Amino acid sequence: MNLKEKLLVGTGLAMSSALAMAQTTDPFDTAITTLTAKVTSYGGALVALAAVGVAFFVAIKYVKKITRAA
């Protein structure tokens, strides 16, 4: 075998091993997709809960200003 043939065979083997180790889906992409779905489903509920909490604390502030409030 001459040098060109050796390089060709070596390159082919390296490419085949790299392709064999390649994943069909990237784990990072899968994680981002899952996270996006979770934020979409729970995001609205969390915003609503935060708004209720703010309204509650504002109401407490004004109830404390009433002189004979319990």
PDB file of N, CA and C in Angstrom:
ATOM      1  N   MET A   1       0.843  -1.187   0.000  1.00  0.00           N
ATOM      2  CA  MET A   1       0.000   0.000   0.000  1.00  0.00           C
ATOM      3  C   MET A   1       0.879   1.239   0.000  1.00  0.00           C
ATOM      4  N   ASN A   2       0.500   2.176  -0.833  1.00  0.00           N
ATOM      5  CA  ASN A   2       1.256   3.420  -0.803  1.00  0.00           C
ATOM      6  C   ASN A   2       0.601   4.385   0.196  1.00  0.00           C
ATOM      7  N   LEU A   3       1.171   5.543   0.322  1.00  0.00           N
ATOM      8  CA  LEU A   3       0.721   6.512   1.321  1.00  0.00           C
ATOM      9  C   LEU A   3      -0.702   6.991   1.042  1.00  0.00           C
ATOM     10  N   LYS A   4      -1.043   7.228  -0.222  1.00  0.00           N
ATOM     11  CA  LYS A   4      -2.379   7.698  -0.560  1.00  0.00           C
ATOM     12  C   LYS A   4      -3.439   6.672  -0.167  1.00  0.00           C
ATOM     13  N   GLU A   5      -3.173   5.421  -0.426  1.00  0.00           N
ATOM     14  CA  GLU A   5      -4.130   4.372  -0.077  1.00  0.00           C
ATOM     15  C   GLU A   5      -4.291   4.265   1.431  1.00  0.00           C
ATOM     16  N   LYS A   6      -3.186   4.379   2.148  1.00  0.00           N
ATOM     17  CA  LYS A   6      -3.257   4.325   3.608  1.00  0.00           C
ATOM     18  C   LYS A   6      -4.066   5.495   4.165  1.00  0.00           C
ATOM     19  N   LEU A   7      -3.842   6.678   3.610  1.00  0.00           N
ATOM     20  CA  LEU A   7      -4.604   7.844   4.071  1.00  0.00           C
ATOM     21  C   LEU A   7      -6.088   7.703   3.751  1.00  0.00           C
ATOM     22  N   LEU A   8      -6.401   7.174   2.584  1.00  0.00           N
ATOM     23  CA  LEU A   8      -7.786   6.980   2.192  1.00  0.00           C
ATOM     24  C   LEU A   8      -8.482   5.979   3.108  1.00  0.00           C
ATOM     25  N   VAL A   9      -7.832   4.871   3.386  1.00  0.00           N
ATOM     26  CA  VAL A   9      -8.399   3.852   4.273  1.00  0.00           C
ATOM     27  C   VAL A   9      -8.537   4.408   5.691  1.00  0.00           C
ATOM     28  N   GLY A  10      -7.516   5.103   6.154  1.00  0.00           N
ATOM     29  CA  GLY A  10      -7.573   5.684   7.500  1.00  0.00           C
ATOM     30  C   GLY A  10      -8.680   6.707   7.635  1.00  0.00           C
ATOM     31  N   THR A  11      -8.831   7.555   6.628  1.00  0.00           N
ATOM     32  CA  THR A  11      -9.895   8.564   6.658  1.00  0.00           C
ATOM     33  C   THR A  11     -11.259   7.891   6.627  1.00  0.00           C
ATOM     34  N   GLY A  12     -11.407   6.867   5.793  1.00  0.00           N
ATOM     35  CA  GLY A  12     -12.679   6.142   5.726  1.00  0.00           C
ATOM     36  C   GLY A  12     -13.029   5.487   7.044  1.00  0.00           C
ATOM     37  N   LEU A  13     -12.045   4.876   7.694  1.00  0.00           N
ATOM     38  CA  LEU A  13     -12.299   4.242   8.991  1.00  0.00           C
ATOM     39  C   LEU A  13     -12.644   5.274  10.061  1.00  0.00           C
ATOM     40  N   ALA A  14     -11.968   6.400  10.039  1.00  0.00           N
ATOM     41  CA  ALA A  14     -12.251   7.446  11.017  1.00  0.00           C
ATOM     42  C   ALA A  14     -13.664   7.998  10.827  1.00  0.00           C
ATOM     43  N   MET A  15     -14.056   8.191   9.581  1.00  0.00           N
ATOM     44  CA  MET A  15     -15.397   8.713   9.308  1.00  0.00           C
ATOM     45  C   MET A  15     -16.465   7.696   9.693  1.00  0.00           C
ATOM     46  N   SER A  16     -16.214   6.423   9.430  1.00  0.00           N
ATOM     47  CA  SER A  16     -17.214   5.403   9.761  1.00  0.00           C
ATOM     48  C   SER A  16     -17.369   5.272  11.271  1.00  0.00           C
ATOM     49  N   SER A  17     -16.278   5.389  12.016  1.00  0.00           N
ATOM     50  CA  SER A  17     -16.396   5.309  13.472  1.00  0.00           C
ATOM     51  C   SER A  17     -17.078   6.549  14.027  1.00  0.00           C
ATOM     52  N   ALA A  18     -16.837   7.692  13.420  1.00  0.00           N
ATOM     53  CA  ALA A  18     -17.509   8.911  13.875  1.00  0.00           C
ATOM     54  C   ALA A  18     -19.005   8.833  13.588  1.00  0.00           C
ATOM     55  N   LEU A  19     -19.371   8.295  12.445  1.00  0.00           N
ATOM     56  CA  LEU A  19     -20.783   8.150  12.124  1.00  0.00           C
ATOM     57  C   LEU A  19     -21.457   7.116  13.012  1.00  0.00           C
ATOM     58  N   ALA A  20     -20.734   6.103  13.406  1.00  0.00           N
ATOM     59  CA  ALA A  20     -21.301   5.082  14.281  1.00  0.00           C
ATOM     60  C   ALA A  20     -21.587   5.642  15.667  1.00  0.00           C
ATOM     61  N   MET A  21     -20.794   6.610  16.103  1.00  0.00           N
ATOM     62  CA  MET A  21     -20.983   7.194  17.425  1.00  0.00           C
ATOM     63  C   MET A  21     -21.955   8.363  17.415  1.00  0.00           C
ATOM     64  N   ALA A  22     -22.382   8.813  16.259  1.00  0.00           N
ATOM     65  CA  ALA A  22     -23.290   9.956  16.177  1.00  0.00           C
ATOM     66  C   ALA A  22     -24.648   9.583  16.753  1.00  0.00           C
ATOM     67  N   GLN A  23     -25.271  10.528  17.432  1.00  0.00           N
ATOM     68  CA  GLN A  23     -26.580  10.294  18.030  1.00  0.00           C
ATOM     69  C   GLN A  23     -27.658  10.756  17.068  1.00  0.00           C
ATOM     70  N   THR A  24     -28.815  10.099  17.159  1.00  0.00           N
ATOM     71  CA  THR A  24     -29.901  10.481  16.263  1.00  0.00           C
ATOM     72  C   THR A  24     -30.499  11.818  16.689  1.00  0.00           C
ATOM     73  N   THR A  25     -30.642  12.028  17.981  1.00  0.00           N
ATOM     74  CA  THR A  25     -31.129  13.316  18.485  1.00  0.00           C
ATOM     75  C   THR A  25     -30.151  13.840  19.520  1.00  0.00           C
ATOM     76  N   ASP A  26     -29.963  15.119  19.521  1.00  0.00           N
ATOM     77  CA  ASP A  26     -29.048  15.752  20.465  1.00  0.00           C
ATOM     78  C   ASP A  26     -29.724  15.840  21.833  1.00  0.00           C
ATOM     79  N   PRO A  27     -29.102  15.373  22.906  1.00  0.00           N
ATOM     80  CA  PRO A  27     -29.714  15.450  24.238  1.00  0.00           C
ATOM     81  C   PRO A  27     -30.019  16.888  24.662  1.00  0.00           C
ATOM     82  N   PHE A  28     -29.180  17.829  24.252  1.00  0.00           N
ATOM     83  CA  PHE A  28     -29.428  19.229  24.601  1.00  0.00           C
ATOM     84  C   PHE A  28     -30.704  19.733  23.944  1.00  0.00           C
ATOM     85  N   ASP A  29     -30.895  19.397  22.673  1.00  0.00           N
ATOM     86  CA  ASP A  29     -32.123  19.800  21.981  1.00  0.00           C
ATOM     87  C   ASP A  29     -33.349  19.172  22.621  1.00  0.00           C
ATOM     88  N   THR A  30     -33.229  17.929  23.031  1.00  0.00           N
ATOM     89  CA  THR A  30     -34.343  17.258  23.711  1.00  0.00           C
ATOM     90  C   THR A  30     -34.670  17.953  25.030  1.00  0.00           C
ATOM     91  N   ALA A  31     -33.639  18.324  25.785  1.00  0.00           N
ATOM     92  CA  ALA A  31     -33.863  19.000  27.066  1.00  0.00           C
ATOM     93  C   ALA A  31     -34.506  20.364  26.864  1.00  0.00           C
ATOM     94  N   ILE A  32     -34.048  21.108  25.861  1.00  0.00           N
ATOM     95  CA  ILE A  32     -34.624  22.431  25.600  1.00  0.00           C
ATOM     96  C   ILE A  32     -36.079  22.305  25.158  1.00  0.00           C
ATOM     97  N   THR A  33     -36.390  21.315  24.346  1.00  0.00           N
ATOM     98  CA  THR A  33     -37.769  21.102  23.908  1.00  0.00           C
ATOM     99  C   THR A  33     -38.663  20.759  25.091  1.00  0.00           C
ATOM    100  N   THR A  34     -38.187  19.904  25.968  1.00  0.00           N
ATOM    101  CA  THR A  34     -38.954  19.530  27.159  1.00  0.00           C
ATOM    102  C   THR A  34     -39.159  20.735  28.067  1.00  0.00           C
ATOM    103  N   LEU A  35     -38.116  21.510  28.264  1.00  0.00           N
ATOM    104  CA  LEU A  35     -38.212  22.690  29.113  1.00  0.00           C
ATOM    105  C   LEU A  35     -39.178  23.714  28.532  1.00  0.00           C
ATOM    106  N   THR A  36     -39.143  23.907  27.230  1.00  0.00           N
ATOM    107  CA  THR A  36     -40.059  24.841  26.578  1.00  0.00           C
ATOM    108  C   THR A  36     -41.500  24.397  26.766  1.00  0.00           C
ATOM    109  N   ALA A  37     -41.760  23.116  26.651  1.00  0.00           N
ATOM    110  CA  ALA A  37     -43.113  22.601  26.839  1.00  0.00           C
ATOM    111  C   ALA A  37     -43.580  22.813  28.274  1.00  0.00           C
ATOM    112  N   LYS A  38     -42.690  22.595  29.226  1.00  0.00           N
ATOM    113  CA  LYS A  38     -43.063  22.781  30.631  1.00  0.00           C
ATOM    114  C   LYS A  38     -43.325  24.245  30.950  1.00  0.00           C
ATOM    115  N   VAL A  39     -42.496  25.137  30.450  1.00  0.00           N
ATOM    116  CA  VAL A  39     -42.698  26.569  30.697  1.00  0.00           C
ATOM    117  C   VAL A  39     -44.004  27.028  30.062  1.00  0.00           C
ATOM    118  N   THR A  40     -44.306  26.501  28.884  1.00  0.00           N
ATOM    119  CA  THR A  40     -45.553  26.866  28.215  1.00  0.00           C
ATOM    120  C   THR A  40     -46.755  26.411  29.020  1.00  0.00           C
ATOM    121  N   SER A  41     -46.679  25.220  29.589  1.00  0.00           N
ATOM    122  CA  SER A  41     -47.834  24.701  30.319  1.00  0.00           C
ATOM    123  C   SER A  41     -47.974  25.297  31.716  1.00  0.00           C
ATOM    124  N   TYR A  42     -46.883  25.558  32.400  1.00  0.00           N
ATOM    125  CA  TYR A  42     -46.955  26.068  33.767  1.00  0.00           C
ATOM    126  C   TYR A  42     -46.759  27.574  33.872  1.00  0.00           C
ATOM    127  N   GLY A  43     -46.298  28.205  32.819  1.00  0.00           N
ATOM    128  CA  GLY A  43     -45.978  29.634  32.881  1.00  0.00           C
ATOM    129  C   GLY A  43     -47.168  30.505  33.217  1.00  0.00           C
ATOM    130  N   GLY A  44     -48.284  30.274  32.569  1.00  0.00           N
ATOM    131  CA  GLY A  44     -49.488  31.068  32.834  1.00  0.00           C
ATOM    132  C   GLY A  44     -49.970  30.923  34.257  1.00  0.00           C
ATOM    133  N   ALA A  45     -49.942  29.704  34.775  1.00  0.00           N
ATOM    134  CA  ALA A  45     -50.378  29.466  36.153  1.00  0.00           C
ATOM    135  C   ALA A  45     -49.459  30.167  37.144  1.00  0.00           C
ATOM    136  N   LEU A  46     -48.164  30.166  36.877  1.00  0.00           N
ATOM    137  CA  LEU A  46     -47.231  30.835  37.794  1.00  0.00           C
ATOM    138  C   LEU A  46     -47.405  32.351  37.781  1.00  0.00           C
ATOM    139  N   VAL A  47     -47.678  32.912  36.613  1.00  0.00           N
ATOM    140  CA  VAL A  47     -47.925  34.360  36.532  1.00  0.00           C
ATOM    141  C   VAL A  47     -49.196  34.710  37.291  1.00  0.00           C
ATOM    142  N   ALA A  48     -50.238  33.907  37.136  1.00  0.00           N
ATOM    143  CA  ALA A  48     -51.494  34.152  37.855  1.00  0.00           C
ATOM    144  C   ALA A  48     -51.281  34.044  39.364  1.00  0.00           C
ATOM    145  N   LEU A  49     -50.517  33.062  39.786  1.00  0.00           N
ATOM    146  CA  LEU A  49     -50.243  32.900  41.222  1.00  0.00           C
ATOM    147  C   LEU A  49     -49.472  34.098  41.772  1.00  0.00           C
ATOM    148  N   ALA A  50     -48.519  34.598  41.012  1.00  0.00           N
ATOM    149  CA  ALA A  50     -47.762  35.776  41.437  1.00  0.00           C
ATOM    150  C   ALA A  50     -48.676  36.994  41.531  1.00  0.00           C
ATOM    151  N   ALA A  51     -49.594  37.146  40.584  1.00  0.00           N
ATOM    152  CA  ALA A  51     -50.520  38.280  40.611  1.00  0.00           C
ATOM    153  C   ALA A  51     -51.430  38.199  41.836  1.00  0.00           C
ATOM    154  N   VAL A  52     -51.896  37.012  42.177  1.00  0.00           N
ATOM    155  CA  VAL A  52     -52.733  36.842  43.373  1.00  0.00           C
ATOM    156  C   VAL A  52     -51.934  37.189  44.622  1.00  0.00           C
ATOM    157  N   GLY A  53     -50.680  36.784  44.663  1.00  0.00           N
ATOM    158  CA  GLY A  53     -49.839  37.105  45.818  1.00  0.00           C
ATOM    159  C   GLY A  53     -49.632  38.594  45.985  1.00  0.00           C
ATOM    160  N   VAL A  54     -49.382  39.288  44.889  1.00  0.00           N
ATOM    161  CA  VAL A  54     -49.200  40.748  44.949  1.00  0.00           C
ATOM    162  C   VAL A  54     -50.490  41.412  45.395  1.00  0.00           C
ATOM    163  N   ALA A  55     -51.614  40.978  44.854  1.00  0.00           N
ATOM    164  CA  ALA A  55     -52.908  41.554  45.254  1.00  0.00           C
ATOM    165  C   ALA A  55     -53.169  41.316  46.736  1.00  0.00           C
ATOM    166  N   PHE A  56     -52.810  40.146  47.225  1.00  0.00           N
ATOM    167  CA  PHE A  56     -52.998  39.836  48.639  1.00  0.00           C
ATOM    168  C   PHE A  56     -52.172  40.771  49.523  1.00  0.00           C
ATOM    169  N   PHE A  57     -50.912  40.981  49.178  1.00  0.00           N
ATOM    170  CA  PHE A  57     -50.064  41.842  49.996  1.00  0.00           C
ATOM    171  C   PHE A  57     -50.508  43.297  49.925  1.00  0.00           C
ATOM    172  N   VAL A  58     -50.983  43.748  48.779  1.00  0.00           N
ATOM    173  CA  VAL A  58     -51.503  45.112  48.677  1.00  0.00           C
ATOM    174  C   VAL A  58     -52.754  45.247  49.523  1.00  0.00           C
ATOM    175  N   ALA A  59     -53.622  44.245  49.506  1.00  0.00           N
ATOM    176  CA  ALA A  59     -54.839  44.280  50.330  1.00  0.00           C
ATOM    177  C   ALA A  59     -54.490  44.319  51.814  1.00  0.00           C
ATOM    178  N   ILE A  60     -53.517  43.537  52.235  1.00  0.00           N
ATOM    179  CA  ILE A  60     -53.084  43.542  53.641  1.00  0.00           C
ATOM    180  C   ILE A  60     -52.584  44.922  54.029  1.00  0.00           C
ATOM    181  N   LYS A  61     -51.854  45.564  53.129  1.00  0.00           N
ATOM    182  CA  LYS A  61     -51.325  46.900  53.411  1.00  0.00           C
ATOM    183  C   LYS A  61     -52.461  47.879  53.705  1.00  0.00           C
ATOM    184  N   TYR A  62     -53.535  47.833  52.900  1.00  0.00           N
ATOM    185  CA  TYR A  62     -54.637  48.768  53.096  1.00  0.00           C
ATOM    186  C   TYR A  62     -55.532  48.367  54.260  1.00  0.00           C
ATOM    187  N   VAL A  63     -55.646  47.086  54.561  1.00  0.00           N
ATOM    188  CA  VAL A  63     -56.431  46.649  55.722  1.00  0.00           C
ATOM    189  C   VAL A  63     -55.751  47.111  57.004  1.00  0.00           C
ATOM    190  N   LYS A  64     -54.442  47.128  57.033  1.00  0.00           N
ATOM    191  CA  LYS A  64     -53.725  47.583  58.236  1.00  0.00           C
ATOM    192  C   LYS A  64     -53.961  49.067  58.505  1.00  0.00           C
ATOM    193  N   LYS A  65     -54.292  49.817  57.473  1.00  0.00           N
ATOM    194  CA  LYS A  65     -54.529  51.252  57.672  1.00  0.00           C
ATOM    195  C   LYS A  65     -55.897  51.536  58.258  1.00  0.00           C
ATOM    196  N   ILE A  66     -56.825  50.570  58.238  1.00  0.00           N
ATOM    197  CA  ILE A  66     -58.144  50.761  58.845  1.00  0.00           C
ATOM    198  C   ILE A  66     -57.981  50.670  60.345  1.00  0.00           C
ATOM    199  N   THR A  67     -58.534  51.641  61.060  1.00  0.00           N
ATOM    200  CA  THR A  67     -58.258  51.740  62.490  1.00  0.00           C
ATOM    201  C   THR A  67     -58.848  50.593  63.295  1.00  0.00           C
ATOM    202  N   ARG A  68     -60.059  50.173  63.004  1.00  0.00           N
ATOM    203  CA  ARG A  68     -60.673  49.121  63.836  1.00  0.00           C
ATOM    204  C   ARG A  68     -60.700  47.771  63.118  1.00  0.00           C
ATOM    205  N   ALA A  69     -59.812  47.538  62.218  1.00  0.00           N
ATOM    206  CA  ALA A  69     -59.765  46.252  61.518  1.00  0.00           C
ATOM    207  C   ALA A  69     -59.205  45.170  62.442  1.00  0.00           C
ATOM    208  N   ALA A  70     -59.687  43.986  62.281  1.00  0.00           N
ATOM    209  CA  ALA A  70     -59.216  42.878  63.109  1.00  0.00           C
ATOM    210  C   ALA A  70     -57.789  42.646  62.765  1.00  0.00           C
TER     211      ALA A  70
END
